[in-house]
Amino acid sequence: GWTPPTGVPADAEHFFHACESGKGWQGVMQYCTPDAVFSAQAEPLEDITTVHGYAEWMKGIARIAMPGSSYELNAHSFDPQSSTATFFGTFRGTHTGHLHGFPAPTYKSMETQYVYNMHVNAHGKVDRITKVWHSAWAAAQVGWTPPTSIPADAEHLFHACETGKGWQEVMHYCTHDAVFSSQAEPLKDITTVHGYAEWMKGIARIAMPGSSYELNAH
């Protein structure tokens, strides 16, 4: 599977397009080894060590956080001596969707450049990927950076609770035994976040349907 004129292994190029379009592990697994490893010196990716995990992360970004996103392959090459394919790309998207582990939608856009170094084995399958990416620049564009430095789960909990989604949604953002306290008469007997989330669900969905809220500062 060598494709002229670049000489880039076909599976490496197929992997690039499948990954960037958010097809996830199911869409890329045929182009790489089952245990292919991944690394990046970029904060959002520091805990991802497998290509499986990275492909799923990209699926979340392309399909959920930034639906309608696009990418451009600016250049690619292959070094036969090191069996390494290099892809230089640009990703574009607008943060409009809720994705666990990320801030609430900012409706801001990013245009971010990056490079993949993909090592291929003797069969042309990708077995190692390193991503070179200025993640801080991308995060600043889309509004995922300080000054607030609010943990994503805390912000997600706020919005889920205030919209009356109850414990079934709030539970994803806190510990199962998270405690609650308030010196407010209606809430004096509520001692868990579970209980408070259900109380808020009753207020927002039943007592005051159509209610709204505003986040004034954080």
C-alpha atoms as a PDB file:
ATOM      1  CA  GLY A   1       0.000   0.000   0.000  1.00  0.00           C
ATOM      2  CA  TRP A   2       2.380   2.755  -1.157  1.00  0.00           C
ATOM      3  CA  THR A   3       0.746   5.678  -2.899  1.00  0.00           C
ATOM      4  CA  PRO A   4       2.623   7.933  -5.371  1.00  0.00           C
ATOM      5  CA  PRO A   5       3.711  10.645  -5.664  1.00  0.00           C
ATOM      6  CA  THR A   6       4.400  11.121  -1.956  1.00  0.00           C
ATOM      7  CA  GLY A   7       5.211   7.509  -1.087  1.00  0.00           C
ATOM      8  CA  VAL A   8       3.097   7.839   2.060  1.00  0.00           C
ATOM      9  CA  PRO A   9       1.768   4.420   3.166  1.00  0.00           C
ATOM     10  CA  ALA A  10      -1.896   4.135   2.237  1.00  0.00           C
ATOM     11  CA  ASP A  11      -2.973   3.018   5.711  1.00  0.00           C
ATOM     12  CA  ALA A  12      -1.279   6.022   7.323  1.00  0.00           C
ATOM     13  CA  GLU A  13      -3.111   8.413   5.008  1.00  0.00           C
ATOM     14  CA  HIS A  14      -6.413   6.594   5.454  1.00  0.00           C
ATOM     15  CA  PHE A  15      -5.882   6.801   9.219  1.00  0.00           C
ATOM     16  CA  PHE A  16      -5.334  10.562   9.049  1.00  0.00           C
ATOM     17  CA  HIS A  17      -8.570  11.221   7.207  1.00  0.00           C
ATOM     18  CA  ALA A  18     -10.641   8.822   9.316  1.00  0.00           C
ATOM     19  CA  CYS A  19      -9.300  10.238  12.570  1.00  0.00           C
ATOM     20  CA  GLU A  20      -9.693  13.905  11.646  1.00  0.00           C
ATOM     21  CA  SER A  21     -13.259  13.368  10.469  1.00  0.00           C
ATOM     22  CA  GLY A  22     -14.171  11.919  13.880  1.00  0.00           C
ATOM     23  CA  LYS A  23     -14.774   8.295  12.919  1.00  0.00           C
ATOM     24  CA  GLY A  24     -13.285   7.038  16.180  1.00  0.00           C
ATOM     25  CA  TRP A  25     -11.592   3.741  16.869  1.00  0.00           C
ATOM     26  CA  GLN A  26     -14.073   1.774  14.777  1.00  0.00           C
ATOM     27  CA  GLY A  27     -13.133   3.893  11.789  1.00  0.00           C
ATOM     28  CA  VAL A  28      -9.342   3.801  12.221  1.00  0.00           C
ATOM     29  CA  MET A  29      -8.608   0.374  13.698  1.00  0.00           C
ATOM     30  CA  GLN A  30      -8.151  -1.252  10.290  1.00  0.00           C
ATOM     31  CA  TYR A  31      -5.244   1.069   9.547  1.00  0.00           C
ATOM     32  CA  CYS A  32      -3.150   0.460  12.666  1.00  0.00           C
ATOM     33  CA  THR A  33      -2.009  -2.256  15.049  1.00  0.00           C
ATOM     34  CA  PRO A  34      -4.357  -3.082  17.969  1.00  0.00           C
ATOM     35  CA  ASP A  35      -1.806  -1.857  20.522  1.00  0.00           C
ATOM     36  CA  ALA A  36      -0.630   1.253  18.665  1.00  0.00           C
ATOM     37  CA  VAL A  37       0.729   3.853  21.102  1.00  0.00           C
ATOM     38  CA  PHE A  38       0.160   7.592  21.211  1.00  0.00           C
ATOM     39  CA  SER A  39       2.013  10.504  22.799  1.00  0.00           C
ATOM     40  CA  ALA A  40       1.792  14.296  22.806  1.00  0.00           C
ATOM     41  CA  GLN A  41       3.299  17.107  24.850  1.00  0.00           C
ATOM     42  CA  ALA A  42      -0.067  18.866  24.947  1.00  0.00           C
ATOM     43  CA  GLU A  43      -2.058  19.251  28.157  1.00  0.00           C
ATOM     44  CA  PRO A  44      -5.461  18.019  26.886  1.00  0.00           C
ATOM     45  CA  LEU A  45      -3.787  14.819  25.657  1.00  0.00           C
ATOM     46  CA  GLU A  46      -1.310  14.126  28.441  1.00  0.00           C
ATOM     47  CA  ASP A  47      -3.233  11.134  29.806  1.00  0.00           C
ATOM     48  CA  ILE A  48      -3.847   9.503  26.411  1.00  0.00           C
ATOM     49  CA  THR A  49      -1.294   6.784  25.649  1.00  0.00           C
ATOM     50  CA  THR A  50      -2.990   4.692  22.954  1.00  0.00           C
ATOM     51  CA  VAL A  51      -4.150   5.414  19.430  1.00  0.00           C
ATOM     52  CA  HIS A  52      -7.461   3.834  20.459  1.00  0.00           C
ATOM     53  CA  GLY A  53      -7.883   6.478  23.153  1.00  0.00           C
ATOM     54  CA  TYR A  54      -6.822   9.326  20.883  1.00  0.00           C
ATOM     55  CA  ALA A  55      -9.179   8.289  18.087  1.00  0.00           C
ATOM     56  CA  GLU A  56     -12.078   8.313  20.555  1.00  0.00           C
ATOM     57  CA  TRP A  57     -10.974  11.719  21.899  1.00  0.00           C
ATOM     58  CA  MET A  58     -10.968  13.125  18.368  1.00  0.00           C
ATOM     59  CA  LYS A  59     -14.392  11.604  17.767  1.00  0.00           C
ATOM     60  CA  GLY A  60     -15.699  13.532  20.767  1.00  0.00           C
ATOM     61  CA  ILE A  61     -14.149  16.774  19.527  1.00  0.00           C
ATOM     62  CA  ALA A  62     -15.267  16.439  15.896  1.00  0.00           C
ATOM     63  CA  ARG A  63     -18.720  14.940  16.449  1.00  0.00           C
ATOM     64  CA  ILE A  64     -19.909  16.295  19.827  1.00  0.00           C
ATOM     65  CA  ALA A  65     -17.966  19.370  20.979  1.00  0.00           C
ATOM     66  CA  MET A  66     -17.573  20.834  17.479  1.00  0.00           C
ATOM     67  CA  PRO A  67     -20.151  19.296  15.142  1.00  0.00           C
ATOM     68  CA  GLY A  68     -19.598  20.467  11.592  1.00  0.00           C
ATOM     69  CA  SER A  69     -15.855  20.838  12.145  1.00  0.00           C
ATOM     70  CA  SER A  70     -13.467  20.488   9.207  1.00  0.00           C
ATOM     71  CA  TYR A  71      -9.804  19.828   8.574  1.00  0.00           C
ATOM     72  CA  GLU A  72      -7.245  20.421   5.855  1.00  0.00           C
ATOM     73  CA  LEU A  73      -4.232  18.287   4.963  1.00  0.00           C
ATOM     74  CA  ASN A  74      -1.613  20.923   4.185  1.00  0.00           C
ATOM     75  CA  ALA A  75       1.326  18.608   3.475  1.00  0.00           C
ATOM     76  CA  HIS A  76       2.541  15.047   4.027  1.00  0.00           C
ATOM     77  CA  SER A  77       5.692  13.052   3.438  1.00  0.00           C
ATOM     78  CA  PHE A  78       7.351   9.727   4.198  1.00  0.00           C
ATOM     79  CA  ASP A  79      10.849   8.873   5.387  1.00  0.00           C
ATOM     80  CA  PRO A  80      11.556   5.249   4.403  1.00  0.00           C
ATOM     81  CA  GLN A  81      14.683   5.070   6.558  1.00  0.00           C
ATOM     82  CA  SER A  82      12.727   5.641   9.776  1.00  0.00           C
ATOM     83  CA  SER A  83       9.418   4.265   8.425  1.00  0.00           C
ATOM     84  CA  THR A  84       7.764   7.499   9.518  1.00  0.00           C
ATOM     85  CA  ALA A  85       4.961   9.366   7.771  1.00  0.00           C
ATOM     86  CA  THR A  86       4.472  13.033   8.597  1.00  0.00           C
ATOM     87  CA  PHE A  87       1.177  14.896   8.203  1.00  0.00           C
ATOM     88  CA  PHE A  88       0.783  18.655   8.620  1.00  0.00           C
ATOM     89  CA  GLY A  89      -2.845  19.661   9.053  1.00  0.00           C
ATOM     90  CA  THR A  90      -5.215  22.439  10.086  1.00  0.00           C
ATOM     91  CA  PHE A  91      -8.362  21.777  12.126  1.00  0.00           C
ATOM     92  CA  ARG A  92     -11.269  24.210  12.235  1.00  0.00           C
ATOM     93  CA  GLY A  93     -14.327  24.090  14.434  1.00  0.00           C
ATOM     94  CA  THR A  94     -16.759  25.994  16.652  1.00  0.00           C
ATOM     95  CA  HIS A  95     -17.518  24.812  20.187  1.00  0.00           C
ATOM     96  CA  THR A  96     -21.301  24.384  20.235  1.00  0.00           C
ATOM     97  CA  GLY A  97     -21.772  20.995  21.892  1.00  0.00           C
ATOM     98  CA  HIS A  98     -21.580  19.638  25.445  1.00  0.00           C
ATOM     99  CA  LEU A  99     -18.726  17.137  25.891  1.00  0.00           C
ATOM    100  CA  HIS A 100     -17.900  15.565  29.246  1.00  0.00           C
ATOM    101  CA  GLY A 101     -14.613  16.873  30.624  1.00  0.00           C
ATOM    102  CA  PHE A 102     -14.748  20.130  28.664  1.00  0.00           C
ATOM    103  CA  PRO A 103     -16.193  23.573  29.498  1.00  0.00           C
ATOM    104  CA  ALA A 104     -19.748  24.399  28.529  1.00  0.00           C
ATOM    105  CA  PRO A 105     -20.113  25.533  24.888  1.00  0.00           C
ATOM    106  CA  THR A 106     -18.393  28.855  24.287  1.00  0.00           C
ATOM    107  CA  TYR A 107     -19.633  29.314  20.686  1.00  0.00           C
ATOM    108  CA  LYS A 108     -16.120  30.430  19.803  1.00  0.00           C
ATOM    109  CA  SER A 109     -14.078  29.053  16.916  1.00  0.00           C
ATOM    110  CA  MET A 110     -10.578  27.678  16.559  1.00  0.00           C
ATOM    111  CA  GLU A 111      -8.224  27.279  13.618  1.00  0.00           C
ATOM    112  CA  THR A 112      -5.316  25.228  14.849  1.00  0.00           C
ATOM    113  CA  GLN A 113      -2.317  23.684  13.097  1.00  0.00           C
ATOM    114  CA  TYR A 114      -0.634  20.446  14.108  1.00  0.00           C
ATOM    115  CA  VAL A 115       1.716  17.697  12.929  1.00  0.00           C
ATOM    116  CA  TYR A 116       1.460  13.921  13.244  1.00  0.00           C
ATOM    117  CA  ASN A 117       4.522  11.679  13.100  1.00  0.00           C
ATOM    118  CA  MET A 118       3.225   8.170  12.352  1.00  0.00           C
ATOM    119  CA  HIS A 119       5.528   5.173  12.493  1.00  0.00           C
ATOM    120  CA  VAL A 120       4.434   2.225  10.361  1.00  0.00           C
ATOM    121  CA  ASN A 121       5.472  -1.416  10.704  1.00  0.00           C
ATOM    122  CA  ALA A 122       6.672  -3.771   7.976  1.00  0.00           C
ATOM    123  CA  HIS A 123       3.053  -4.278   6.858  1.00  0.00           C
ATOM    124  CA  GLY A 124       2.399  -0.558   6.497  1.00  0.00           C
ATOM    125  CA  LYS A 125       0.192  -0.409   9.617  1.00  0.00           C
ATOM    126  CA  VAL A 126       0.473   2.536  12.011  1.00  0.00           C
ATOM    127  CA  ASP A 127       1.933   1.381  15.333  1.00  0.00           C
ATOM    128  CA  ARG A 128       3.012   4.674  16.919  1.00  0.00           C
ATOM    129  CA  ILE A 129       1.843   8.284  16.672  1.00  0.00           C
ATOM    130  CA  THR A 130       3.294  11.461  18.130  1.00  0.00           C
ATOM    131  CA  LYS A 131       1.250  14.639  17.827  1.00  0.00           C
ATOM    132  CA  VAL A 132       2.952  18.041  17.853  1.00  0.00           C
ATOM    133  CA  TRP A 133       0.339  20.662  18.724  1.00  0.00           C
ATOM    134  CA  HIS A 134       0.243  24.084  20.398  1.00  0.00           C
ATOM    135  CA  SER A 135      -2.820  23.180  22.473  1.00  0.00           C
ATOM    136  CA  ALA A 136      -2.674  26.334  24.600  1.00  0.00           C
ATOM    137  CA  TRP A 137      -3.057  28.492  21.490  1.00  0.00           C
ATOM    138  CA  ALA A 138      -6.059  26.465  20.349  1.00  0.00           C
ATOM    139  CA  ALA A 139      -7.643  26.556  23.805  1.00  0.00           C
ATOM    140  CA  ALA A 140      -7.269  30.334  23.982  1.00  0.00           C
ATOM    141  CA  GLN A 141      -9.008  30.734  20.620  1.00  0.00           C
ATOM    142  CA  VAL A 142     -12.018  28.730  21.708  1.00  0.00           C
ATOM    143  CA  GLY A 143     -12.210  30.144  25.239  1.00  0.00           C
ATOM    144  CA  TRP A 144     -11.055  27.106  27.244  1.00  0.00           C
ATOM    145  CA  THR A 145      -8.399  28.973  29.194  1.00  0.00           C
ATOM    146  CA  PRO A 146      -8.143  31.252  32.274  1.00  0.00           C
ATOM    147  CA  PRO A 147      -8.887  33.825  33.603  1.00  0.00           C
ATOM    148  CA  THR A 148     -11.598  31.684  35.170  1.00  0.00           C
ATOM    149  CA  SER A 149      -9.703  28.371  35.460  1.00  0.00           C
ATOM    150  CA  ILE A 150     -12.988  26.772  36.546  1.00  0.00           C
ATOM    151  CA  PRO A 151     -12.823  22.951  36.545  1.00  0.00           C
ATOM    152  CA  ALA A 152     -14.976  21.694  33.693  1.00  0.00           C
ATOM    153  CA  ASP A 153     -16.975  19.299  35.872  1.00  0.00           C
ATOM    154  CA  ALA A 154     -17.853  22.058  38.345  1.00  0.00           C
ATOM    155  CA  GLU A 155     -19.206  24.233  35.537  1.00  0.00           C
ATOM    156  CA  HIS A 156     -21.098  21.319  33.991  1.00  0.00           C
ATOM    157  CA  LEU A 157     -22.654  20.575  37.393  1.00  0.00           C
ATOM    158  CA  PHE A 158     -23.814  24.176  37.740  1.00  0.00           C
ATOM    159  CA  HIS A 159     -25.587  24.191  34.383  1.00  0.00           C
ATOM    160  CA  ALA A 160     -27.057  20.696  34.803  1.00  0.00           C
ATOM    161  CA  CYS A 161     -28.385  21.519  38.250  1.00  0.00           C
ATOM    162  CA  GLU A 162     -29.872  24.900  37.338  1.00  0.00           C
ATOM    163  CA  THR A 163     -31.679  23.462  34.335  1.00  0.00           C
ATOM    164  CA  GLY A 164     -33.322  20.867  36.547  1.00  0.00           C
ATOM    165  CA  LYS A 165     -31.692  17.774  35.111  1.00  0.00           C
ATOM    166  CA  GLY A 166     -31.531  16.133  38.510  1.00  0.00           C
ATOM    167  CA  TRP A 167     -29.161  13.550  39.909  1.00  0.00           C
ATOM    168  CA  GLN A 168     -29.066  11.384  36.770  1.00  0.00           C
ATOM    169  CA  GLU A 169     -27.153  14.135  34.967  1.00  0.00           C
ATOM    170  CA  VAL A 170     -25.394  15.803  37.896  1.00  0.00           C
ATOM    171  CA  MET A 171     -23.890  12.502  39.094  1.00  0.00           C
ATOM    172  CA  HIS A 172     -21.415  12.543  36.184  1.00  0.00           C
ATOM    173  CA  TYR A 173     -19.731  15.641  37.594  1.00  0.00           C
ATOM    174  CA  CYS A 174     -19.352  14.845  41.306  1.00  0.00           C
ATOM    175  CA  THR A 175     -18.551  12.051  43.725  1.00  0.00           C
ATOM    176  CA  HIS A 176     -21.416   9.735  44.641  1.00  0.00           C
ATOM    177  CA  ASP A 177     -21.271  10.875  48.293  1.00  0.00           C
ATOM    178  CA  ALA A 178     -20.816  14.626  47.653  1.00  0.00           C
ATOM    179  CA  VAL A 179     -22.211  16.658  50.549  1.00  0.00           C
ATOM    180  CA  PHE A 180     -24.380  19.768  50.508  1.00  0.00           C
ATOM    181  CA  SER A 181     -25.169  22.418  53.100  1.00  0.00           C
ATOM    182  CA  SER A 182     -27.145  25.653  53.229  1.00  0.00           C
ATOM    183  CA  GLN A 183     -28.396  27.997  55.944  1.00  0.00           C
ATOM    184  CA  ALA A 184     -31.616  28.475  53.983  1.00  0.00           C
ATOM    185  CA  GLU A 185     -34.852  27.261  55.573  1.00  0.00           C
ATOM    186  CA  PRO A 186     -36.161  25.246  52.595  1.00  0.00           C
ATOM    187  CA  LEU A 187     -32.823  23.441  52.297  1.00  0.00           C
ATOM    188  CA  LYS A 188     -31.887  22.841  55.937  1.00  0.00           C
ATOM    189  CA  ASP A 189     -32.664  19.112  55.789  1.00  0.00           C
ATOM    190  CA  ILE A 190     -30.789  18.460  52.559  1.00  0.00           C
ATOM    191  CA  THR A 191     -27.283  17.158  53.228  1.00  0.00           C
ATOM    192  CA  THR A 192     -26.219  15.609  49.914  1.00  0.00           C
ATOM    193  CA  VAL A 193     -25.699  16.922  46.392  1.00  0.00           C
ATOM    194  CA  HIS A 194     -27.927  14.044  45.277  1.00  0.00           C
ATOM    195  CA  GLY A 195     -30.757  15.424  47.386  1.00  0.00           C
ATOM    196  CA  TYR A 196     -30.209  19.008  46.294  1.00  0.00           C
ATOM    197  CA  ALA A 197     -30.098  18.108  42.594  1.00  0.00           C
ATOM    198  CA  GLU A 198     -33.439  16.351  42.927  1.00  0.00           C
ATOM    199  CA  TRP A 199     -34.873  19.324  44.863  1.00  0.00           C
ATOM    200  CA  MET A 200     -33.761  21.685  42.094  1.00  0.00           C
ATOM    201  CA  LYS A 201     -35.269  19.335  39.518  1.00  0.00           C
ATOM    202  CA  GLY A 202     -38.607  19.650  41.272  1.00  0.00           C
ATOM    203  CA  ILE A 203     -38.384  23.446  41.366  1.00  0.00           C
ATOM    204  CA  ALA A 204     -37.242  23.901  37.756  1.00  0.00           C
ATOM    205  CA  ARG A 205     -39.345  21.200  36.104  1.00  0.00           C
ATOM    206  CA  ILE A 206     -42.517  20.949  38.203  1.00  0.00           C
ATOM    207  CA  ALA A 207     -43.069  23.962  40.458  1.00  0.00           C
ATOM    208  CA  MET A 208     -41.746  26.508  37.927  1.00  0.00           C
ATOM    209  CA  PRO A 209     -41.760  24.989  34.441  1.00  0.00           C
ATOM    210  CA  GLY A 210     -40.114  27.280  31.945  1.00  0.00           C
ATOM    211  CA  SER A 211     -37.844  28.784  34.583  1.00  0.00           C
ATOM    212  CA  SER A 212     -34.455  30.157  33.542  1.00  0.00           C
ATOM    213  CA  TYR A 213     -31.168  31.147  35.116  1.00  0.00           C
ATOM    214  CA  GLU A 214     -28.174  33.317  34.372  1.00  0.00           C
ATOM    215  CA  LEU A 215     -24.527  32.757  35.237  1.00  0.00           C
ATOM    216  CA  ASN A 216     -23.446  36.265  36.191  1.00  0.00           C
ATOM    217  CA  ALA A 217     -19.851  35.478  37.146  1.00  0.00           C
ATOM    218  CA  HIS A 218     -17.491  32.626  37.958  1.00  0.00           C
END
